[in-house]
Amino acid sequence: MIRLDTLSDLLTGPGPYATAYLDATRSKELGPQEVDKRWRGLRRSLAEQGADDATLEAMDAAVGGHADVPGSHGQLVVGAGGRVRYDVALPEVAQRQTGSWSPLPDLMPMVAQLGARVPYVLALVDRTGADVTVVGPDHSWQERQAVAGDTHQIRKVGVGGWSHLRYQHRAEDLWEANARQVAEVIQSAVHRSGARLVLLAGDVRARESLRKNLDERSAELVVELQTGGRAEGIDQQKLDDEVDAAVARAALDADQAVLDRFAEAYGRARSGVGDVLAVAGIANTVAALRQAQVETLLLVDDPSSDQRAYVGPEPVHLARSAEELTALGVAEPVQDRLDAALVRAAAGTDASIVTLAGGQLDLPQGIGATLRYPAAR
C-alpha cells in the first residue's frame, strides 16, 4: 500500500507533462555516458510527441543525478512548464523504459513498484545514543541523524567502598537519559514521516531502555533486528537485507489487511447486508473517487491497458465521457490513460493505493475501493 500525499503539488500543477522512466544503472567503465545514451532515445520520443525544448532541457540536467545510488536502479523524471516537477531514484529498473507527453504524469509504474515499501525509521542504538535513519513514504528521501548522549561515566566501574553504588547508579541514570533522548528523536520522526515501522538494532540493554521510553504509537511499530549496531565491523549487507525483509513483510501485511477488509465489505454489499463500504468496477469506483469517498483504491497493474478517461483541472475531475465532466462544469475535458487519472484522483483526495497482479483478487474490471463512508445503494 502506498500513500501519494507527497505528490499533491505535482498532481495539481498545470500540464501537459513529460514523464520519463529510464535505466539509471551505471557501470564502472562508462558510467554517466550509458545513462545519457538511454535518455537520448527517450528524449527524442518526447520531442516527437510535442514536449517543449525548455522542459526537455530542464530534464537533461536531472537525468543521472542520483550517482550515490549503487547497483541496478531506475529513475523517474517528470517535467512541465520548463522545469523538473519530480525526480526520484527507483529501487528497480522499470519494466517499461518509456517517455510520454500527456495531460497527466504517468505515475502508475512508480506506484506499482513502490507499493511494496513503507516509510520507516531505523535506529542503531548503544548506551551512548543512536544513529537514526528516516526513510520517507516513497523512499525518495532519507534523513540521517546521530544522537549523542552523555558519555561521562557511561560504563559501570568496578570500584569498591561506599562510592560503588553511587557510580553504578550514575551509569544507569545516564543510560536512561540517553534512551529518553533517542526516543524523542524517533517519536518526532514517526509523527513527521508517517512511518509504519520502527526498526531497532544494536545493544540489547539500550534497546530495552529505548522501548520503555517510546510513546504508545511508536512502540507499537517496533520490530527488533538481529543484525547491526554502532560498533565497528558490522556486516552492512546483512543489515540491509534484514531491513528490506522487514519492510517487505510490513507492506505485505498492510496490503493483506486491506484486501481482507475489501473482500468482507464487498461481499456484504453484494448480499445487501449493511452499509455499502466497498465498490468494484470502473463506473462505481470513478464515482466514489469523484466524491472523495475512497479510503484505499485497489488497482490491477496492467501496462498493456488501453482504458482511457476524461479529466479536468482538479484531481476529482474524472469521468468515462467528456459529457459527464461538462455537466460538472469542466469547460474543456481532455483524455488520458485511465490509470493515470485514477492515481491523480487518489492522491488528490488523500486515498491510499494497493496495486495487484492479474488474478490476485476477483475484481471486476481490475478496479475497486474501500470507502470512508457508505455509498448509496
Protein backbone atom coordinates (compact mmCIF):
# COMPACT_ATOMS: atom_id res chain seq x y z
CA MET A 1 0.00 0.00 0.00
CA ILE A 2 1.32 3.40 -0.89
CA ARG A 3 0.25 6.91 0.02
CA LEU A 4 0.82 9.65 -2.53
CA ASP A 5 0.17 12.75 -0.42
CA THR A 6 3.77 13.86 -1.08
CA LEU A 7 2.81 14.29 -4.76
CA SER A 8 -0.04 16.73 -4.23
CA ASP A 9 1.91 19.72 -5.60
CA LEU A 10 2.91 17.79 -8.72
CA LEU A 11 -0.55 16.45 -9.41
CA THR A 12 -2.35 19.78 -9.03
CA GLY A 13 0.07 21.73 -11.25
CA PRO A 14 -0.65 22.66 -14.86
CA GLY A 15 0.29 20.24 -17.64
CA PRO A 16 0.99 18.78 -20.06
CA TYR A 17 3.73 16.64 -18.53
CA ALA A 18 6.80 14.88 -19.86
CA THR A 19 7.26 11.60 -17.94
CA ALA A 20 10.40 9.50 -18.40
CA TYR A 21 11.29 6.16 -16.86
CA LEU A 22 14.86 5.12 -17.58
CA ASP A 23 17.51 2.67 -16.50
CA ALA A 24 19.90 4.76 -14.37
CA THR A 25 22.32 1.90 -13.66
CA ARG A 26 25.98 2.85 -14.12
CA SER A 27 28.83 0.51 -14.92
CA LYS A 28 32.33 1.23 -13.63
CA GLU A 29 33.64 1.62 -17.17
CA LEU A 30 31.24 4.01 -18.89
CA GLY A 31 29.14 5.37 -16.03
CA PRO A 32 27.22 8.56 -16.93
CA GLN A 33 27.60 8.01 -20.68
CA GLU A 34 25.42 4.90 -20.50
CA VAL A 35 22.61 6.73 -18.71
CA ASP A 36 22.86 9.67 -21.10
CA LYS A 37 22.61 7.36 -24.12
CA ARG A 38 19.42 5.77 -22.77
CA TRP A 39 17.98 9.20 -22.05
CA ARG A 40 18.67 10.44 -25.58
CA GLY A 41 16.33 7.83 -27.02
CA LEU A 42 13.53 8.78 -24.61
CA ARG A 43 14.21 12.47 -25.22
CA ARG A 44 13.72 12.07 -28.98
CA SER A 45 10.44 10.27 -28.36
CA LEU A 46 9.22 13.04 -26.04
CA ALA A 47 10.15 15.72 -28.56
CA GLU A 48 8.29 13.87 -31.33
CA GLN A 49 5.21 13.73 -29.06
CA GLY A 50 5.32 17.52 -28.63
CA ALA A 51 7.36 18.16 -25.46
CA ASP A 52 8.81 21.67 -25.46
CA ASP A 53 12.54 22.37 -25.54
CA ALA A 54 12.62 24.21 -22.20
CA THR A 55 11.12 21.24 -20.35
CA LEU A 56 13.43 18.75 -22.04
CA GLU A 57 16.48 20.89 -21.27
CA ALA A 58 15.48 21.02 -17.61
CA MET A 59 15.14 17.23 -17.61
CA ASP A 60 18.61 16.93 -19.22
CA ALA A 61 20.15 18.32 -16.06
CA ALA A 62 18.26 15.91 -13.79
CA VAL A 63 18.94 12.66 -15.65
CA GLY A 64 21.59 10.53 -13.96
CA GLY A 65 21.61 12.80 -10.93
CA HIS A 66 21.41 10.01 -8.35
CA ALA A 67 25.03 8.94 -8.64
CA ASP A 68 25.11 7.89 -4.99
CA VAL A 69 22.58 5.07 -5.58
CA PRO A 70 24.53 1.83 -6.08
CA GLY A 71 23.73 -1.16 -8.27
CA SER A 72 20.87 -1.64 -10.68
CA HIS A 73 18.17 1.03 -10.30
CA GLY A 74 15.81 3.23 -12.24
CA GLN A 75 14.93 6.90 -12.36
CA LEU A 76 11.65 8.72 -12.87
CA VAL A 77 11.79 12.32 -14.08
CA VAL A 78 8.67 14.42 -14.64
CA GLY A 79 8.87 17.82 -16.30
CA ALA A 80 6.35 20.51 -17.18
CA GLY A 81 6.38 24.21 -17.93
CA GLY A 82 10.12 24.37 -18.50
CA ARG A 83 11.17 22.80 -15.20
CA VAL A 84 11.55 19.46 -13.47
CA ARG A 85 8.47 18.80 -11.36
CA TYR A 86 9.53 15.45 -9.87
CA ASP A 87 12.74 13.42 -9.80
CA VAL A 88 13.19 10.16 -7.91
CA ALA A 89 15.54 7.18 -7.96
CA LEU A 90 13.63 3.90 -8.16
CA PRO A 91 14.96 0.79 -6.43
CA GLU A 92 14.40 -1.26 -9.58
CA VAL A 93 14.59 -0.55 -13.28
CA ALA A 94 11.03 0.00 -14.54
CA GLN A 95 9.71 -2.74 -16.83
CA ARG A 96 8.74 -0.06 -19.33
CA GLN A 97 11.52 2.31 -20.40
CA THR A 98 9.06 4.90 -21.65
CA GLY A 99 8.68 8.58 -22.33
CA SER A 100 5.21 10.12 -22.52
CA TRP A 101 3.91 13.64 -23.17
CA SER A 102 0.37 13.81 -21.82
CA PRO A 103 -2.13 15.87 -19.80
CA LEU A 104 -1.22 13.97 -16.60
CA PRO A 105 2.07 12.49 -15.38
CA ASP A 106 2.21 8.72 -15.86
CA LEU A 107 2.84 7.60 -12.27
CA MET A 108 1.36 4.10 -12.34
CA PRO A 109 4.69 2.29 -12.97
CA MET A 110 6.20 4.05 -9.95
CA VAL A 111 3.16 3.30 -7.79
CA ALA A 112 3.30 -0.38 -8.71
CA GLN A 113 7.00 -0.57 -7.87
CA LEU A 114 6.91 1.35 -4.60
CA GLY A 115 3.76 -0.33 -3.30
CA ALA A 116 5.94 -2.97 -1.62
CA ARG A 117 7.63 -0.32 0.51
CA VAL A 118 6.56 1.54 3.62
CA PRO A 119 8.03 4.59 5.37
CA TYR A 120 10.15 3.53 8.32
CA VAL A 121 12.65 4.60 10.96
CA LEU A 122 15.86 2.63 11.55
CA ALA A 123 17.72 3.17 14.82
CA LEU A 124 21.13 1.63 15.52
CA VAL A 125 21.50 2.07 19.25
CA ASP A 126 24.02 1.72 22.06
CA ARG A 127 24.14 3.15 25.56
CA THR A 128 25.63 6.46 24.39
CA GLY A 129 22.99 7.28 21.75
CA ALA A 130 21.90 6.16 18.30
CA ASP A 131 22.25 6.58 14.55
CA VAL A 132 18.71 7.24 13.29
CA THR A 133 17.68 6.98 9.62
CA VAL A 134 14.23 8.08 8.44
CA VAL A 135 13.02 6.79 5.07
CA GLY A 136 10.06 8.62 3.57
CA PRO A 137 6.78 7.38 2.09
CA ASP A 138 8.00 6.89 -1.48
CA HIS A 139 11.60 6.07 -0.46
CA SER A 140 12.73 9.10 -2.46
CA TRP A 141 14.29 10.81 0.56
CA GLN A 142 16.16 9.90 3.68
CA GLU A 143 17.22 11.78 6.79
CA ARG A 144 20.10 10.68 8.97
CA GLN A 145 20.84 11.92 12.46
CA ALA A 146 23.40 10.89 15.05
CA VAL A 147 22.06 11.25 18.58
CA ALA A 148 24.92 11.69 21.03
CA GLY A 149 24.02 11.36 24.68
CA ASP A 150 26.12 11.99 27.76
CA THR A 151 29.14 9.63 27.92
CA HIS A 152 30.64 10.76 31.24
CA GLN A 153 30.85 7.66 33.47
CA ILE A 154 28.67 5.78 30.98
CA ARG A 155 30.23 2.44 31.96
CA LYS A 156 29.71 0.80 35.30
CA VAL A 157 33.03 0.78 37.11
CA GLY A 158 34.47 -1.81 39.45
CA VAL A 159 35.30 0.48 42.36
CA GLY A 160 34.83 -0.57 45.97
CA GLY A 161 33.72 1.13 49.15
CA TRP A 162 30.87 3.50 49.80
CA SER A 163 31.10 5.12 46.34
CA HIS A 164 30.48 1.86 44.48
CA LEU A 165 26.68 2.12 44.34
CA ARG A 166 26.85 5.81 43.52
CA TYR A 167 28.93 5.07 40.39
CA GLN A 168 26.64 2.22 39.41
CA HIS A 169 23.52 4.34 39.71
CA ARG A 170 25.17 7.22 37.87
CA ALA A 171 25.87 4.95 34.88
CA GLU A 172 22.31 3.62 34.84
CA ASP A 173 20.89 7.15 35.06
CA LEU A 174 22.97 8.17 32.05
CA TRP A 175 21.78 5.14 30.05
CA GLU A 176 18.19 6.06 30.84
CA ALA A 177 18.69 9.75 29.95
CA ASN A 178 20.29 8.80 26.65
CA ALA A 179 17.41 6.41 25.89
CA ARG A 180 14.92 9.23 26.50
CA GLN A 181 16.83 11.50 24.14
CA VAL A 182 16.85 8.85 21.38
CA ALA A 183 13.15 8.13 21.98
CA GLU A 184 12.28 11.80 21.43
CA VAL A 185 14.11 11.81 18.08
CA ILE A 186 12.37 8.60 16.95
CA GLN A 187 8.92 9.81 18.02
CA SER A 188 9.39 13.07 16.14
CA ALA A 189 10.46 11.12 13.03
CA VAL A 190 7.46 8.79 13.24
CA HIS A 191 4.97 11.61 13.51
CA ARG A 192 6.67 13.69 10.80
CA SER A 193 7.15 10.95 8.21
CA GLY A 194 4.09 8.79 8.86
CA ALA A 195 6.42 5.83 9.45
CA ARG A 196 4.69 2.48 9.73
CA LEU A 197 7.72 0.64 11.10
CA VAL A 198 10.42 1.36 13.68
CA LEU A 199 13.41 -0.96 13.28
CA LEU A 200 15.81 -1.31 16.22
CA ALA A 201 19.27 -2.86 16.12
CA GLY A 202 22.26 -2.77 18.43
CA ASP A 203 22.92 -3.12 22.14
CA VAL A 204 20.24 -5.25 23.83
CA ARG A 205 20.15 -3.26 27.07
CA ALA A 206 19.94 0.03 25.15
CA ARG A 207 17.03 -1.31 23.09
CA GLU A 208 15.17 -2.31 26.26
CA SER A 209 15.58 1.18 27.74
CA LEU A 210 14.56 2.80 24.48
CA ARG A 211 11.37 0.78 24.11
CA LYS A 212 10.28 1.76 27.63
CA ASN A 213 10.63 5.44 26.73
CA LEU A 214 8.77 5.42 23.40
CA ASP A 215 5.22 6.73 23.22
CA GLU A 216 2.43 4.25 22.52
CA ARG A 217 2.20 4.99 18.78
CA SER A 218 5.92 4.48 18.18
CA ALA A 219 6.23 1.46 20.49
CA GLU A 220 3.52 -0.39 18.55
CA LEU A 221 5.62 -0.08 15.38
CA VAL A 222 8.83 -1.58 16.79
CA VAL A 223 10.48 -4.59 15.17
CA GLU A 224 13.84 -5.68 16.60
CA LEU A 225 16.55 -6.81 14.19
CA GLN A 226 19.15 -9.48 14.82
CA THR A 227 21.88 -7.73 12.84
CA GLY A 228 23.52 -4.33 13.04
CA GLY A 229 24.58 -1.76 15.55
CA ARG A 230 27.01 1.09 16.04
CA ALA A 231 30.10 -1.00 16.70
CA GLU A 232 32.90 -1.41 14.17
CA GLY A 233 32.79 -4.42 11.87
CA ILE A 234 29.02 -4.64 11.41
CA ASP A 235 28.03 -6.57 8.27
CA GLN A 236 26.26 -3.79 6.34
CA GLN A 237 24.91 -6.07 3.61
CA LYS A 238 23.38 -8.40 6.18
CA LEU A 239 21.76 -5.46 7.93
CA ASP A 240 20.41 -4.08 4.63
CA ASP A 241 18.94 -7.47 3.74
CA GLU A 242 17.23 -7.77 7.12
CA VAL A 243 15.82 -4.24 6.84
CA ASP A 244 14.50 -4.96 3.32
CA ALA A 245 12.86 -8.19 4.52
CA ALA A 246 11.18 -6.45 7.48
CA VAL A 247 9.89 -3.62 5.28
CA ALA A 248 8.55 -6.09 2.69
CA ARG A 249 6.75 -8.08 5.42
CA ALA A 250 5.15 -4.93 6.79
CA ALA A 251 3.99 -3.89 3.31
CA LEU A 252 2.51 -7.33 2.59
CA ASP A 253 0.73 -7.40 5.95
CA ALA A 254 -0.74 -3.95 5.33
CA ASP A 255 -1.90 -4.90 1.83
CA GLN A 256 -3.44 -8.15 3.04
CA ALA A 257 -5.36 -6.32 5.75
CA VAL A 258 -6.84 -4.03 3.08
CA LEU A 259 -7.71 -6.96 0.80
CA ASP A 260 -9.41 -8.79 3.68
CA ARG A 261 -11.37 -5.68 4.58
CA PHE A 262 -12.41 -5.17 0.95
CA ALA A 263 -13.47 -8.80 0.49
CA GLU A 264 -15.65 -8.70 3.60
CA ALA A 265 -17.20 -5.30 2.81
CA TYR A 266 -17.79 -6.07 -0.87
CA GLY A 267 -19.31 -9.43 -0.03
CA ARG A 268 -21.75 -7.78 2.38
CA ALA A 269 -22.60 -5.08 -0.17
CA ARG A 270 -23.36 -7.64 -2.87
CA SER A 271 -25.54 -9.57 -0.44
CA GLY A 272 -27.46 -6.43 0.51
CA VAL A 273 -26.32 -6.67 4.14
CA GLY A 274 -25.47 -3.46 5.99
CA ASP A 275 -23.83 -0.34 4.57
CA VAL A 276 -22.01 -0.26 1.23
CA LEU A 277 -18.37 0.27 2.25
CA ALA A 278 -16.71 -1.22 -0.83
CA VAL A 279 -17.28 -0.85 -4.56
CA ALA A 280 -15.84 -2.52 -7.65
CA GLY A 281 -15.75 -1.87 -11.37
CA ILE A 282 -14.74 1.27 -13.23
CA ALA A 283 -18.01 3.20 -13.08
CA ASN A 284 -18.63 2.73 -9.34
CA THR A 285 -15.01 3.39 -8.37
CA VAL A 286 -14.72 6.52 -10.52
CA ALA A 287 -17.94 7.83 -8.97
CA ALA A 288 -16.57 7.23 -5.47
CA LEU A 289 -13.28 8.98 -6.29
CA ARG A 290 -15.17 11.99 -7.64
CA GLN A 291 -16.87 12.31 -4.25
CA ALA A 292 -13.57 11.90 -2.32
CA GLN A 293 -15.18 8.81 -0.81
CA VAL A 294 -12.33 6.34 -1.39
CA GLU A 295 -10.17 5.24 1.52
CA THR A 296 -8.00 2.79 -0.45
CA LEU A 297 -8.00 2.26 -4.21
CA LEU A 298 -7.38 -1.31 -5.41
CA LEU A 299 -6.00 -1.44 -8.92
CA VAL A 300 -4.59 -4.22 -11.10
CA ASP A 301 -1.37 -3.04 -12.73
CA ASP A 302 -1.82 -3.64 -16.46
CA PRO A 303 0.76 -1.77 -18.57
CA SER A 304 -0.93 -3.01 -21.76
CA SER A 305 -4.30 -1.48 -20.86
CA ASP A 306 -5.75 0.99 -23.35
CA GLN A 307 -8.52 2.18 -21.00
CA ARG A 308 -8.96 5.96 -21.16
CA ALA A 309 -10.67 8.59 -19.05
CA TYR A 310 -11.54 12.27 -19.37
CA VAL A 311 -10.02 14.67 -16.86
CA GLY A 312 -10.21 18.32 -15.91
CA PRO A 313 -8.06 20.72 -13.85
CA GLU A 314 -8.86 19.20 -10.44
CA PRO A 315 -7.98 15.70 -9.18
CA VAL A 316 -11.67 14.81 -8.77
CA HIS A 317 -12.40 15.80 -12.37
CA LEU A 318 -12.51 12.38 -13.99
CA ALA A 319 -15.15 10.53 -15.96
CA ARG A 320 -15.52 7.97 -18.75
CA SER A 321 -17.06 10.53 -21.10
CA ALA A 322 -16.47 14.21 -21.85
CA GLU A 323 -20.19 14.89 -21.37
CA GLU A 324 -20.05 13.77 -17.74
CA LEU A 325 -17.34 16.31 -16.96
CA THR A 326 -19.00 19.06 -18.95
CA ALA A 327 -22.12 18.52 -16.82
CA LEU A 328 -19.91 19.04 -13.74
CA GLY A 329 -18.72 22.39 -15.05
CA VAL A 330 -15.43 21.38 -16.69
CA ALA A 331 -15.13 23.57 -19.78
CA GLU A 332 -12.52 21.60 -21.72
CA PRO A 333 -12.19 17.93 -20.70
CA VAL A 334 -9.10 16.15 -22.06
CA GLN A 335 -8.37 12.46 -22.42
CA ASP A 336 -5.56 10.44 -20.81
CA ARG A 337 -4.79 6.95 -19.50
CA LEU A 338 -7.37 5.73 -17.00
CA ASP A 339 -4.71 4.56 -14.53
CA ALA A 340 -3.00 7.98 -14.60
CA ALA A 341 -6.34 9.66 -13.84
CA LEU A 342 -7.08 7.21 -11.03
CA VAL A 343 -3.68 7.78 -9.41
CA ARG A 344 -4.14 11.55 -9.54
CA ALA A 345 -7.64 11.32 -8.05
CA ALA A 346 -6.46 9.02 -5.25
CA ALA A 347 -3.53 11.29 -4.39
CA GLY A 348 -5.64 14.43 -4.58
CA THR A 349 -8.24 13.02 -2.18
CA ASP A 350 -5.72 11.56 0.32
CA ALA A 351 -6.52 7.94 -0.57
CA SER A 352 -4.05 5.05 -0.45
CA ILE A 353 -3.40 2.69 -3.35
CA VAL A 354 -2.86 -1.08 -3.37
CA THR A 355 -1.65 -2.45 -6.68
CA LEU A 356 -2.46 -6.03 -7.60
CA ALA A 357 -1.22 -8.58 -10.08
CA GLY A 358 -3.72 -10.00 -12.55
CA GLY A 359 -5.77 -12.78 -10.93
CA GLN A 360 -4.67 -11.90 -7.40
CA LEU A 361 -8.22 -10.88 -6.46
CA ASP A 362 -11.58 -11.39 -8.14
CA LEU A 363 -12.00 -7.72 -9.04
CA PRO A 364 -14.45 -6.67 -11.77
CA GLN A 365 -12.57 -4.75 -14.48
CA GLY A 366 -9.47 -4.83 -12.29
CA ILE A 367 -10.54 -1.96 -10.04
CA GLY A 368 -12.24 -1.49 -6.68
CA ALA A 369 -12.08 0.51 -3.47
CA THR A 370 -12.81 0.52 0.22
CA LEU A 371 -14.81 3.56 1.27
CA ARG A 372 -14.56 6.12 4.06
CA TYR A 373 -18.32 6.40 4.37
CA PRO A 374 -21.20 4.38 2.92
CA ALA A 375 -22.30 4.70 -0.69
CA ALA A 376 -25.95 4.82 -1.65
CA ARG A 377 -27.49 1.52 -2.76
